[in-house]
Amino acid sequence: SVTGDCPMSTLSVDTIQGKTTAGTLKLPSDYIVQAVHFTTSTKSFHSTNSFTDSGFDATIAPRYNNSKILVLGNFAIYLSGNQQNNVAETAVHRNDSTVLGKFTVRAYDYGSSGVLIERPVSMNFLDSPATTSTVTYTLYTKMTSGNTLIFNDDADDSSSITLMEIAQ
């Protein structure tokens, strides 16, 4: 039994490896294994009426095949159009095929004189890619009605995607 003050110690190591096999260290559940972040302040315009790659993507190579990937996105979106109902749709894809989820940006012009709406959009998805191969998450966009979806219209705007691998 220890009584009184217990001095703290410092553990310094150069390498941690699995007990029997290097590289198989078991991490606690819900531990963040790694994070990847992509950010840009480049202005981009999107006006097609079918889903196309927006140029916003991030790639991660999960260390464990049972990990979950938390996909976080923050986008500075502007929607312009000369219709009463201006709608842009976005979708997050894994490896250009699996759709994780969609969100819609809508602007309604009551005066029929055109509209420009600025809207920060945040989204998050929890994915289970079941692989240790590289996985790319990409934002796709399309205009359903209206003229143009603009990312980062102002000089101080930026948009980002963050990926976090979470151990299970």
N, C-alpha and C. Protein backbone atom coordinates (compact mmCIF):
# COMPACT_ATOMS: atom_id res chain seq x y z
N SER A 1 0.84 -1.17 0.00
CA SER A 1 0.00 0.00 0.00
C SER A 1 0.88 1.23 0.00
N VAL A 2 0.44 2.25 -0.76
CA VAL A 2 1.19 3.48 -0.88
C VAL A 2 0.41 4.58 -0.19
N THR A 3 1.09 5.36 0.61
CA THR A 3 0.44 6.48 1.27
C THR A 3 1.20 7.75 0.96
N GLY A 4 0.52 8.88 1.06
CA GLY A 4 1.17 10.16 0.81
C GLY A 4 1.28 10.45 -0.67
N ASP A 5 2.18 11.36 -1.00
CA ASP A 5 2.36 11.76 -2.39
C ASP A 5 3.00 10.63 -3.18
N CYS A 6 2.46 10.40 -4.38
CA CYS A 6 3.03 9.41 -5.30
C CYS A 6 3.60 10.17 -6.49
N PRO A 7 4.91 10.21 -6.62
CA PRO A 7 5.48 10.95 -7.75
C PRO A 7 5.09 10.28 -9.07
N MET A 8 4.82 11.10 -10.07
CA MET A 8 4.48 10.59 -11.39
C MET A 8 5.76 10.23 -12.12
N SER A 9 5.64 9.30 -13.04
CA SER A 9 6.77 8.88 -13.85
C SER A 9 6.50 9.21 -15.30
N THR A 10 7.57 9.25 -16.06
CA THR A 10 7.45 9.48 -17.50
C THR A 10 7.92 8.22 -18.20
N LEU A 11 7.11 7.74 -19.14
CA LEU A 11 7.46 6.59 -19.95
C LEU A 11 7.84 7.11 -21.33
N SER A 12 9.07 6.88 -21.73
CA SER A 12 9.53 7.31 -23.05
C SER A 12 9.89 6.08 -23.85
N VAL A 13 9.31 5.99 -25.06
CA VAL A 13 9.59 4.85 -25.93
C VAL A 13 9.79 5.34 -27.35
N ASP A 14 10.53 4.56 -28.12
CA ASP A 14 10.72 4.87 -29.53
C ASP A 14 9.76 4.08 -30.40
N THR A 15 9.37 2.88 -29.96
CA THR A 15 8.51 2.02 -30.76
C THR A 15 7.58 1.23 -29.85
N ILE A 16 6.34 1.13 -30.26
CA ILE A 16 5.39 0.22 -29.61
C ILE A 16 4.98 -0.78 -30.67
N GLN A 17 5.09 -2.05 -30.36
CA GLN A 17 4.67 -3.07 -31.31
C GLN A 17 3.89 -4.15 -30.59
N GLY A 18 3.17 -4.93 -31.38
CA GLY A 18 2.36 -6.01 -30.82
C GLY A 18 3.21 -7.00 -30.05
N LYS A 19 2.60 -7.67 -29.07
CA LYS A 19 3.30 -8.61 -28.19
C LYS A 19 3.92 -9.77 -28.98
N THR A 20 3.16 -10.29 -29.97
CA THR A 20 3.66 -11.45 -30.71
C THR A 20 4.00 -11.13 -32.16
N THR A 21 3.36 -10.14 -32.72
CA THR A 21 3.61 -9.78 -34.12
C THR A 21 3.64 -8.27 -34.25
N ALA A 22 4.69 -7.75 -34.81
CA ALA A 22 4.79 -6.30 -35.01
C ALA A 22 3.64 -5.83 -35.89
N GLY A 23 3.06 -4.70 -35.55
CA GLY A 23 2.00 -4.12 -36.37
C GLY A 23 0.60 -4.57 -36.00
N THR A 24 0.44 -5.42 -34.99
CA THR A 24 -0.89 -5.89 -34.64
C THR A 24 -1.32 -5.38 -33.27
N LEU A 25 -0.83 -4.25 -32.89
CA LEU A 25 -1.18 -3.67 -31.61
C LEU A 25 -2.68 -3.41 -31.57
N LYS A 26 -3.37 -3.90 -30.55
CA LYS A 26 -4.81 -3.73 -30.40
C LYS A 26 -5.07 -2.42 -29.67
N LEU A 27 -5.82 -1.54 -30.30
CA LEU A 27 -6.19 -0.26 -29.70
C LEU A 27 -7.55 -0.39 -29.04
N PRO A 28 -7.81 0.41 -28.02
CA PRO A 28 -9.12 0.37 -27.38
C PRO A 28 -10.22 0.79 -28.34
N SER A 29 -11.42 0.29 -28.14
CA SER A 29 -12.57 0.66 -28.94
C SER A 29 -12.81 2.16 -28.85
N ASP A 30 -13.23 2.76 -29.95
CA ASP A 30 -13.53 4.18 -30.06
C ASP A 30 -12.30 5.08 -30.02
N TYR A 31 -11.12 4.53 -30.10
CA TYR A 31 -9.87 5.29 -30.14
C TYR A 31 -9.66 5.82 -31.56
N ILE A 32 -9.26 7.07 -31.70
CA ILE A 32 -8.97 7.63 -33.01
C ILE A 32 -7.58 7.18 -33.43
N VAL A 33 -7.55 6.37 -34.48
CA VAL A 33 -6.30 5.78 -34.97
C VAL A 33 -5.51 6.79 -35.79
N GLN A 34 -6.20 7.51 -36.68
CA GLN A 34 -5.55 8.50 -37.54
C GLN A 34 -6.59 9.48 -38.04
N ALA A 35 -6.12 10.63 -38.49
CA ALA A 35 -7.00 11.64 -39.07
C ALA A 35 -6.34 12.22 -40.32
N VAL A 36 -7.18 12.53 -41.30
CA VAL A 36 -6.73 13.14 -42.54
C VAL A 36 -7.60 14.37 -42.78
N HIS A 37 -6.97 15.47 -43.21
CA HIS A 37 -7.72 16.71 -43.40
C HIS A 37 -7.38 17.32 -44.75
N PHE A 38 -8.41 17.69 -45.50
CA PHE A 38 -8.25 18.41 -46.77
C PHE A 38 -9.00 19.72 -46.65
N THR A 39 -8.35 20.82 -46.97
CA THR A 39 -9.02 22.12 -46.96
C THR A 39 -8.58 22.92 -48.17
N THR A 40 -9.49 23.75 -48.68
CA THR A 40 -9.17 24.61 -49.81
C THR A 40 -9.96 25.91 -49.71
N SER A 41 -9.37 26.96 -50.21
CA SER A 41 -10.08 28.23 -50.31
C SER A 41 -10.27 28.60 -51.78
N THR A 42 -9.98 27.67 -52.67
CA THR A 42 -10.13 27.90 -54.10
C THR A 42 -11.62 28.02 -54.46
N LYS A 43 -11.94 29.03 -55.22
CA LYS A 43 -13.32 29.24 -55.66
C LYS A 43 -13.61 28.26 -56.80
N SER A 44 -14.78 27.61 -56.75
CA SER A 44 -15.15 26.70 -57.83
C SER A 44 -16.64 26.83 -58.13
N PHE A 45 -17.00 26.63 -59.40
CA PHE A 45 -18.36 26.78 -59.90
C PHE A 45 -18.88 25.43 -60.40
N HIS A 46 -20.13 25.14 -60.10
CA HIS A 46 -20.73 23.87 -60.51
C HIS A 46 -22.14 24.15 -61.02
N SER A 47 -22.41 23.77 -62.28
CA SER A 47 -23.71 24.10 -62.85
C SER A 47 -24.34 22.96 -63.64
N THR A 48 -23.76 21.77 -63.63
CA THR A 48 -24.34 20.68 -64.39
C THR A 48 -25.58 20.12 -63.69
N ASN A 49 -26.46 19.49 -64.48
CA ASN A 49 -27.68 18.93 -63.91
C ASN A 49 -27.58 17.42 -63.65
N SER A 50 -26.35 16.91 -63.64
CA SER A 50 -26.12 15.52 -63.22
C SER A 50 -24.95 15.54 -62.22
N PHE A 51 -24.92 14.55 -61.35
CA PHE A 51 -23.88 14.53 -60.32
C PHE A 51 -22.49 14.44 -60.95
N THR A 52 -21.62 15.39 -60.56
CA THR A 52 -20.23 15.39 -61.03
C THR A 52 -19.32 15.63 -59.83
N ASP A 53 -18.09 15.18 -59.96
CA ASP A 53 -17.07 15.34 -58.91
C ASP A 53 -16.82 16.82 -58.69
N SER A 54 -16.94 17.26 -57.45
CA SER A 54 -16.77 18.68 -57.12
C SER A 54 -15.31 19.08 -56.96
N GLY A 55 -14.42 18.10 -56.87
CA GLY A 55 -13.02 18.40 -56.60
C GLY A 55 -12.67 18.37 -55.13
N PHE A 56 -13.67 18.16 -54.27
CA PHE A 56 -13.43 18.05 -52.83
C PHE A 56 -13.35 16.57 -52.48
N ASP A 57 -12.17 16.12 -52.10
CA ASP A 57 -12.04 14.73 -51.68
C ASP A 57 -10.89 14.58 -50.69
N ALA A 58 -10.95 13.48 -49.97
CA ALA A 58 -9.89 13.12 -49.02
C ALA A 58 -9.74 11.61 -49.04
N THR A 59 -8.51 11.15 -48.82
CA THR A 59 -8.19 9.73 -48.91
C THR A 59 -7.56 9.25 -47.62
N ILE A 60 -7.93 8.04 -47.23
CA ILE A 60 -7.39 7.43 -46.02
C ILE A 60 -7.17 5.94 -46.27
N ALA A 61 -6.15 5.37 -45.65
CA ALA A 61 -5.90 3.92 -45.71
C ALA A 61 -6.10 3.38 -44.29
N PRO A 62 -7.27 2.81 -44.01
CA PRO A 62 -7.53 2.32 -42.65
C PRO A 62 -6.50 1.28 -42.22
N ARG A 63 -6.11 1.33 -40.96
CA ARG A 63 -5.15 0.36 -40.44
C ARG A 63 -5.81 -0.94 -40.04
N TYR A 64 -7.12 -0.89 -39.77
CA TYR A 64 -7.85 -2.10 -39.34
C TYR A 64 -9.08 -2.25 -40.23
N ASN A 65 -9.38 -3.49 -40.63
CA ASN A 65 -10.51 -3.69 -41.54
C ASN A 65 -11.87 -3.57 -40.86
N ASN A 66 -11.91 -3.50 -39.54
CA ASN A 66 -13.19 -3.32 -38.85
C ASN A 66 -13.37 -1.89 -38.32
N SER A 67 -12.47 -1.00 -38.68
CA SER A 67 -12.57 0.40 -38.24
C SER A 67 -13.77 1.09 -38.88
N LYS A 68 -14.23 2.11 -38.21
CA LYS A 68 -15.23 3.01 -38.78
C LYS A 68 -14.49 4.28 -39.22
N ILE A 69 -15.01 4.93 -40.25
CA ILE A 69 -14.44 6.19 -40.72
C ILE A 69 -15.50 7.27 -40.52
N LEU A 70 -15.16 8.28 -39.72
CA LEU A 70 -16.03 9.42 -39.52
C LEU A 70 -15.67 10.46 -40.57
N VAL A 71 -16.64 10.80 -41.42
CA VAL A 71 -16.44 11.76 -42.50
C VAL A 71 -17.12 13.06 -42.09
N LEU A 72 -16.32 14.13 -41.96
CA LEU A 72 -16.84 15.44 -41.56
C LEU A 72 -16.57 16.42 -42.70
N GLY A 73 -17.56 17.19 -43.06
CA GLY A 73 -17.39 18.18 -44.10
C GLY A 73 -17.96 19.53 -43.70
N ASN A 74 -17.27 20.58 -44.04
CA ASN A 74 -17.73 21.95 -43.84
C ASN A 74 -17.49 22.70 -45.14
N PHE A 75 -18.57 23.25 -45.70
CA PHE A 75 -18.48 23.87 -47.02
C PHE A 75 -19.10 25.26 -47.01
N ALA A 76 -18.40 26.22 -47.61
CA ALA A 76 -18.94 27.57 -47.81
C ALA A 76 -19.62 27.55 -49.17
N ILE A 77 -20.96 27.52 -49.16
CA ILE A 77 -21.74 27.35 -50.38
C ILE A 77 -22.52 28.61 -50.70
N TYR A 78 -22.51 28.97 -51.96
CA TYR A 78 -23.33 30.06 -52.50
C TYR A 78 -24.17 29.47 -53.61
N LEU A 79 -25.42 29.85 -53.64
CA LEU A 79 -26.34 29.35 -54.66
C LEU A 79 -26.90 30.54 -55.41
N SER A 80 -26.74 30.54 -56.73
CA SER A 80 -27.26 31.65 -57.52
C SER A 80 -28.23 31.11 -58.56
N GLY A 81 -29.18 31.93 -58.90
CA GLY A 81 -30.14 31.52 -59.91
C GLY A 81 -31.13 32.61 -60.18
N ASN A 82 -31.84 32.48 -61.30
CA ASN A 82 -32.85 33.46 -61.66
C ASN A 82 -34.24 32.83 -61.69
N GLN A 83 -34.38 31.70 -61.02
CA GLN A 83 -35.67 31.05 -60.91
C GLN A 83 -36.20 31.26 -59.50
N GLN A 84 -37.49 31.03 -59.32
CA GLN A 84 -38.04 31.18 -57.98
C GLN A 84 -37.52 30.10 -57.05
N ASN A 85 -37.33 28.90 -57.53
CA ASN A 85 -36.89 27.79 -56.70
C ASN A 85 -35.54 27.31 -57.21
N ASN A 86 -34.47 27.62 -56.50
CA ASN A 86 -33.12 27.24 -56.89
C ASN A 86 -32.64 26.13 -55.96
N VAL A 87 -32.25 25.00 -56.55
CA VAL A 87 -31.91 23.83 -55.75
C VAL A 87 -30.61 23.21 -56.25
N ALA A 88 -29.71 22.95 -55.31
CA ALA A 88 -28.49 22.20 -55.60
C ALA A 88 -28.47 20.98 -54.70
N GLU A 89 -28.02 19.85 -55.24
CA GLU A 89 -27.90 18.63 -54.46
C GLU A 89 -26.44 18.23 -54.37
N THR A 90 -26.07 17.65 -53.24
CA THR A 90 -24.72 17.15 -53.05
C THR A 90 -24.80 15.74 -52.49
N ALA A 91 -23.78 14.96 -52.76
CA ALA A 91 -23.72 13.59 -52.26
C ALA A 91 -22.27 13.23 -51.96
N VAL A 92 -22.06 12.51 -50.88
CA VAL A 92 -20.73 12.03 -50.53
C VAL A 92 -20.61 10.58 -50.98
N HIS A 93 -19.59 10.31 -51.79
CA HIS A 93 -19.36 8.97 -52.34
C HIS A 93 -18.09 8.38 -51.74
N ARG A 94 -18.12 7.07 -51.51
CA ARG A 94 -16.90 6.33 -51.16
C ARG A 94 -16.41 5.65 -52.42
N ASN A 95 -15.15 5.91 -52.78
CA ASN A 95 -14.52 5.31 -53.96
C ASN A 95 -15.38 5.48 -55.22
N ASP A 96 -15.99 6.64 -55.36
CA ASP A 96 -16.78 7.02 -56.55
C ASP A 96 -17.98 6.13 -56.83
N SER A 97 -18.39 5.31 -55.87
CA SER A 97 -19.55 4.47 -56.15
C SER A 97 -20.57 4.46 -55.01
N THR A 98 -20.18 4.05 -53.83
CA THR A 98 -21.11 3.94 -52.71
C THR A 98 -21.49 5.34 -52.21
N VAL A 99 -22.79 5.63 -52.20
CA VAL A 99 -23.26 6.93 -51.72
C VAL A 99 -23.52 6.82 -50.22
N LEU A 100 -22.81 7.64 -49.45
CA LEU A 100 -23.01 7.63 -48.00
C LEU A 100 -24.20 8.47 -47.59
N GLY A 101 -24.45 9.53 -48.29
CA GLY A 101 -25.57 10.40 -47.95
C GLY A 101 -25.61 11.61 -48.84
N LYS A 102 -26.77 12.28 -48.82
CA LYS A 102 -26.99 13.46 -49.65
C LYS A 102 -27.50 14.60 -48.79
N PHE A 103 -27.29 15.82 -49.26
CA PHE A 103 -27.96 16.96 -48.67
C PHE A 103 -28.29 17.95 -49.78
N THR A 104 -29.33 18.75 -49.53
CA THR A 104 -29.86 19.67 -50.52
C THR A 104 -29.73 21.10 -50.01
N VAL A 105 -29.35 22.00 -50.90
CA VAL A 105 -29.31 23.43 -50.61
C VAL A 105 -30.39 24.06 -51.48
N ARG A 106 -31.29 24.81 -50.84
CA ARG A 106 -32.42 25.38 -51.56
C ARG A 106 -32.54 26.87 -51.25
N ALA A 107 -32.83 27.64 -52.28
CA ALA A 107 -33.08 29.08 -52.12
C ALA A 107 -34.34 29.42 -52.90
N TYR A 108 -35.24 30.13 -52.27
CA TYR A 108 -36.48 30.52 -52.92
C TYR A 108 -36.52 32.03 -53.06
N ASP A 109 -36.77 32.51 -54.26
CA ASP A 109 -36.82 33.93 -54.55
C ASP A 109 -38.27 34.37 -54.63
N TYR A 110 -38.74 35.07 -53.63
CA TYR A 110 -40.13 35.50 -53.59
C TYR A 110 -40.43 36.62 -54.58
N GLY A 111 -39.41 37.38 -54.98
CA GLY A 111 -39.63 38.51 -55.87
C GLY A 111 -39.36 38.20 -57.33
N SER A 112 -38.92 37.00 -57.65
CA SER A 112 -38.61 36.57 -59.02
C SER A 112 -37.56 37.43 -59.69
N SER A 113 -36.66 38.00 -58.91
CA SER A 113 -35.63 38.84 -59.51
C SER A 113 -34.24 38.22 -59.42
N GLY A 114 -34.17 36.98 -59.05
CA GLY A 114 -32.88 36.31 -58.91
C GLY A 114 -32.48 36.23 -57.45
N VAL A 115 -31.59 35.31 -57.16
CA VAL A 115 -31.22 35.09 -55.77
C VAL A 115 -29.75 34.71 -55.70
N LEU A 116 -29.12 35.12 -54.65
CA LEU A 116 -27.78 34.66 -54.30
C LEU A 116 -27.83 34.39 -52.81
N ILE A 117 -27.67 33.16 -52.44
CA ILE A 117 -27.74 32.79 -51.02
C ILE A 117 -26.40 32.24 -50.59
N GLU A 118 -25.92 32.71 -49.47
CA GLU A 118 -24.69 32.20 -48.87
C GLU A 118 -25.11 31.31 -47.72
N ARG A 119 -24.55 30.11 -47.69
CA ARG A 119 -24.95 29.19 -46.64
C ARG A 119 -23.79 28.27 -46.28
N PRO A 120 -23.34 28.32 -45.03
CA PRO A 120 -22.36 27.31 -44.62
C PRO A 120 -23.09 25.98 -44.43
N VAL A 121 -22.53 24.93 -44.95
CA VAL A 121 -23.15 23.61 -44.85
C VAL A 121 -22.16 22.67 -44.16
N SER A 122 -22.63 21.99 -43.13
CA SER A 122 -21.83 20.97 -42.45
C SER A 122 -22.52 19.63 -42.61
N MET A 123 -21.74 18.60 -42.72
CA MET A 123 -22.31 17.26 -42.81
C MET A 123 -21.37 16.29 -42.11
N ASN A 124 -21.92 15.15 -41.68
CA ASN A 124 -21.09 14.09 -41.12
C ASN A 124 -21.74 12.74 -41.39
N PHE A 125 -20.89 11.76 -41.66
CA PHE A 125 -21.33 10.40 -41.92
C PHE A 125 -20.36 9.44 -41.24
N LEU A 126 -20.89 8.34 -40.73
CA LEU A 126 -20.06 7.29 -40.15
C LEU A 126 -20.10 6.11 -41.09
N ASP A 127 -18.95 5.74 -41.63
CA ASP A 127 -18.87 4.69 -42.64
C ASP A 127 -18.13 3.48 -42.09
N SER A 128 -18.44 2.31 -42.64
CA SER A 128 -17.75 1.05 -42.31
C SER A 128 -17.24 0.44 -43.61
N PRO A 129 -16.07 0.89 -44.09
CA PRO A 129 -15.60 0.42 -45.39
C PRO A 129 -15.10 -1.03 -45.40
N ALA A 130 -14.81 -1.61 -44.25
CA ALA A 130 -14.38 -3.01 -44.14
C ALA A 130 -13.18 -3.33 -45.04
N THR A 131 -12.15 -2.50 -44.95
CA THR A 131 -10.96 -2.70 -45.77
C THR A 131 -9.76 -2.03 -45.10
N THR A 132 -8.58 -2.46 -45.52
CA THR A 132 -7.36 -1.74 -45.15
C THR A 132 -6.74 -1.11 -46.41
N SER A 133 -7.46 -1.19 -47.51
CA SER A 133 -7.02 -0.54 -48.75
C SER A 133 -7.41 0.93 -48.71
N THR A 134 -6.79 1.71 -49.55
CA THR A 134 -7.07 3.14 -49.63
C THR A 134 -8.54 3.38 -49.96
N VAL A 135 -9.15 4.33 -49.24
CA VAL A 135 -10.54 4.71 -49.46
C VAL A 135 -10.59 6.22 -49.70
N THR A 136 -11.28 6.64 -50.75
CA THR A 136 -11.42 8.06 -51.07
C THR A 136 -12.88 8.47 -50.93
N TYR A 137 -13.08 9.57 -50.21
CA TYR A 137 -14.42 10.13 -50.03
C TYR A 137 -14.48 11.42 -50.84
N THR A 138 -15.48 11.54 -51.71
CA THR A 138 -15.59 12.64 -52.65
C THR A 138 -16.97 13.27 -52.57
N LEU A 139 -17.01 14.59 -52.64
CA LEU A 139 -18.28 15.31 -52.69
C LEU A 139 -18.68 15.51 -54.15
N TYR A 140 -19.87 15.04 -54.51
CA TYR A 140 -20.43 15.24 -55.84
C TYR A 140 -21.54 16.29 -55.74
N THR A 141 -21.72 17.07 -56.82
CA THR A 141 -22.76 18.11 -56.82
C THR A 141 -23.54 18.07 -58.12
N LYS A 142 -24.76 18.62 -58.07
CA LYS A 142 -25.55 18.86 -59.28
C LYS A 142 -26.54 19.97 -59.00
N MET A 143 -26.89 20.70 -60.05
CA MET A 143 -27.93 21.72 -59.97
C MET A 143 -29.24 21.09 -60.42
N THR A 144 -30.23 21.10 -59.55
CA THR A 144 -31.55 20.58 -59.91
C THR A 144 -32.35 21.67 -60.59
N SER A 145 -32.26 22.88 -60.07
CA SER A 145 -32.85 24.05 -60.73
C SER A 145 -32.05 25.27 -60.29
N GLY A 146 -32.00 26.27 -61.14
CA GLY A 146 -31.18 27.45 -60.86
C GLY A 146 -29.96 27.45 -61.74
N ASN A 147 -29.02 28.34 -61.43
CA ASN A 147 -27.87 28.52 -62.31
C ASN A 147 -26.60 27.84 -61.83
N THR A 148 -26.12 28.25 -60.64
CA THR A 148 -24.77 27.85 -60.26
C THR A 148 -24.65 27.64 -58.75
N LEU A 149 -23.92 26.60 -58.39
CA LEU A 149 -23.49 26.37 -57.02
C LEU A 149 -22.02 26.80 -56.97
N ILE A 150 -21.70 27.67 -56.02
CA ILE A 150 -20.35 28.20 -55.92
C ILE A 150 -19.78 27.84 -54.55
N PHE A 151 -18.58 27.29 -54.54
CA PHE A 151 -17.86 27.04 -53.30
C PHE A 151 -16.85 28.15 -53.10
N ASN A 152 -16.72 28.64 -51.86
CA ASN A 152 -15.68 29.61 -51.48
C ASN A 152 -15.74 30.89 -52.32
N ASP A 153 -16.91 31.51 -52.36
CA ASP A 153 -17.09 32.71 -53.19
C ASP A 153 -16.30 33.90 -52.68
N ASP A 154 -16.23 34.07 -51.37
CA ASP A 154 -15.47 35.19 -50.79
C ASP A 154 -14.01 34.79 -50.56
N ALA A 155 -13.14 35.77 -50.57
CA ALA A 155 -11.70 35.52 -50.43
C ALA A 155 -11.33 34.84 -49.12
N ASP A 156 -12.10 35.07 -48.06
CA ASP A 156 -11.77 34.46 -46.77
C ASP A 156 -12.53 33.16 -46.49
N ASP A 157 -13.24 32.63 -47.49
CA ASP A 157 -13.96 31.36 -47.33
C ASP A 157 -13.02 30.18 -47.49
N SER A 158 -13.38 29.08 -46.86
CA SER A 158 -12.69 27.81 -47.10
C SER A 158 -13.67 26.67 -46.86
N SER A 159 -13.39 25.56 -47.49
CA SER A 159 -14.20 24.35 -47.35
C SER A 159 -13.26 23.21 -47.01
N SER A 160 -13.78 22.22 -46.26
CA SER A 160 -12.88 21.15 -45.82
C SER A 160 -13.61 19.82 -45.67
N ILE A 161 -12.81 18.76 -45.76
CA ILE A 161 -13.26 17.40 -45.44
C ILE A 161 -12.23 16.82 -44.47
N THR A 162 -12.71 16.24 -43.37
CA THR A 162 -11.84 15.58 -42.39
C THR A 162 -12.30 14.13 -42.28
N LEU A 163 -11.34 13.21 -42.28
CA LEU A 163 -11.61 11.78 -42.10
C LEU A 163 -10.92 11.33 -40.83
N MET A 164 -11.63 10.59 -39.99
CA MET A 164 -11.05 10.02 -38.77
C MET A 164 -11.32 8.52 -38.73
N GLU A 165 -10.27 7.74 -38.61
CA GLU A 165 -10.41 6.31 -38.43
C GLU A 165 -10.63 6.04 -36.94
N ILE A 166 -11.69 5.30 -36.63
CA ILE A 166 -12.04 5.00 -35.24
C ILE A 166 -11.97 3.50 -35.04
N ALA A 167 -11.12 3.07 -34.09
CA ALA A 167 -10.96 1.65 -33.81
C ALA A 167 -12.24 1.07 -33.20
N GLN A 168 -12.49 -0.19 -33.50
CA GLN A 168 -13.68 -0.87 -32.97
C GLN A 168 -13.28 -1.99 -32.02
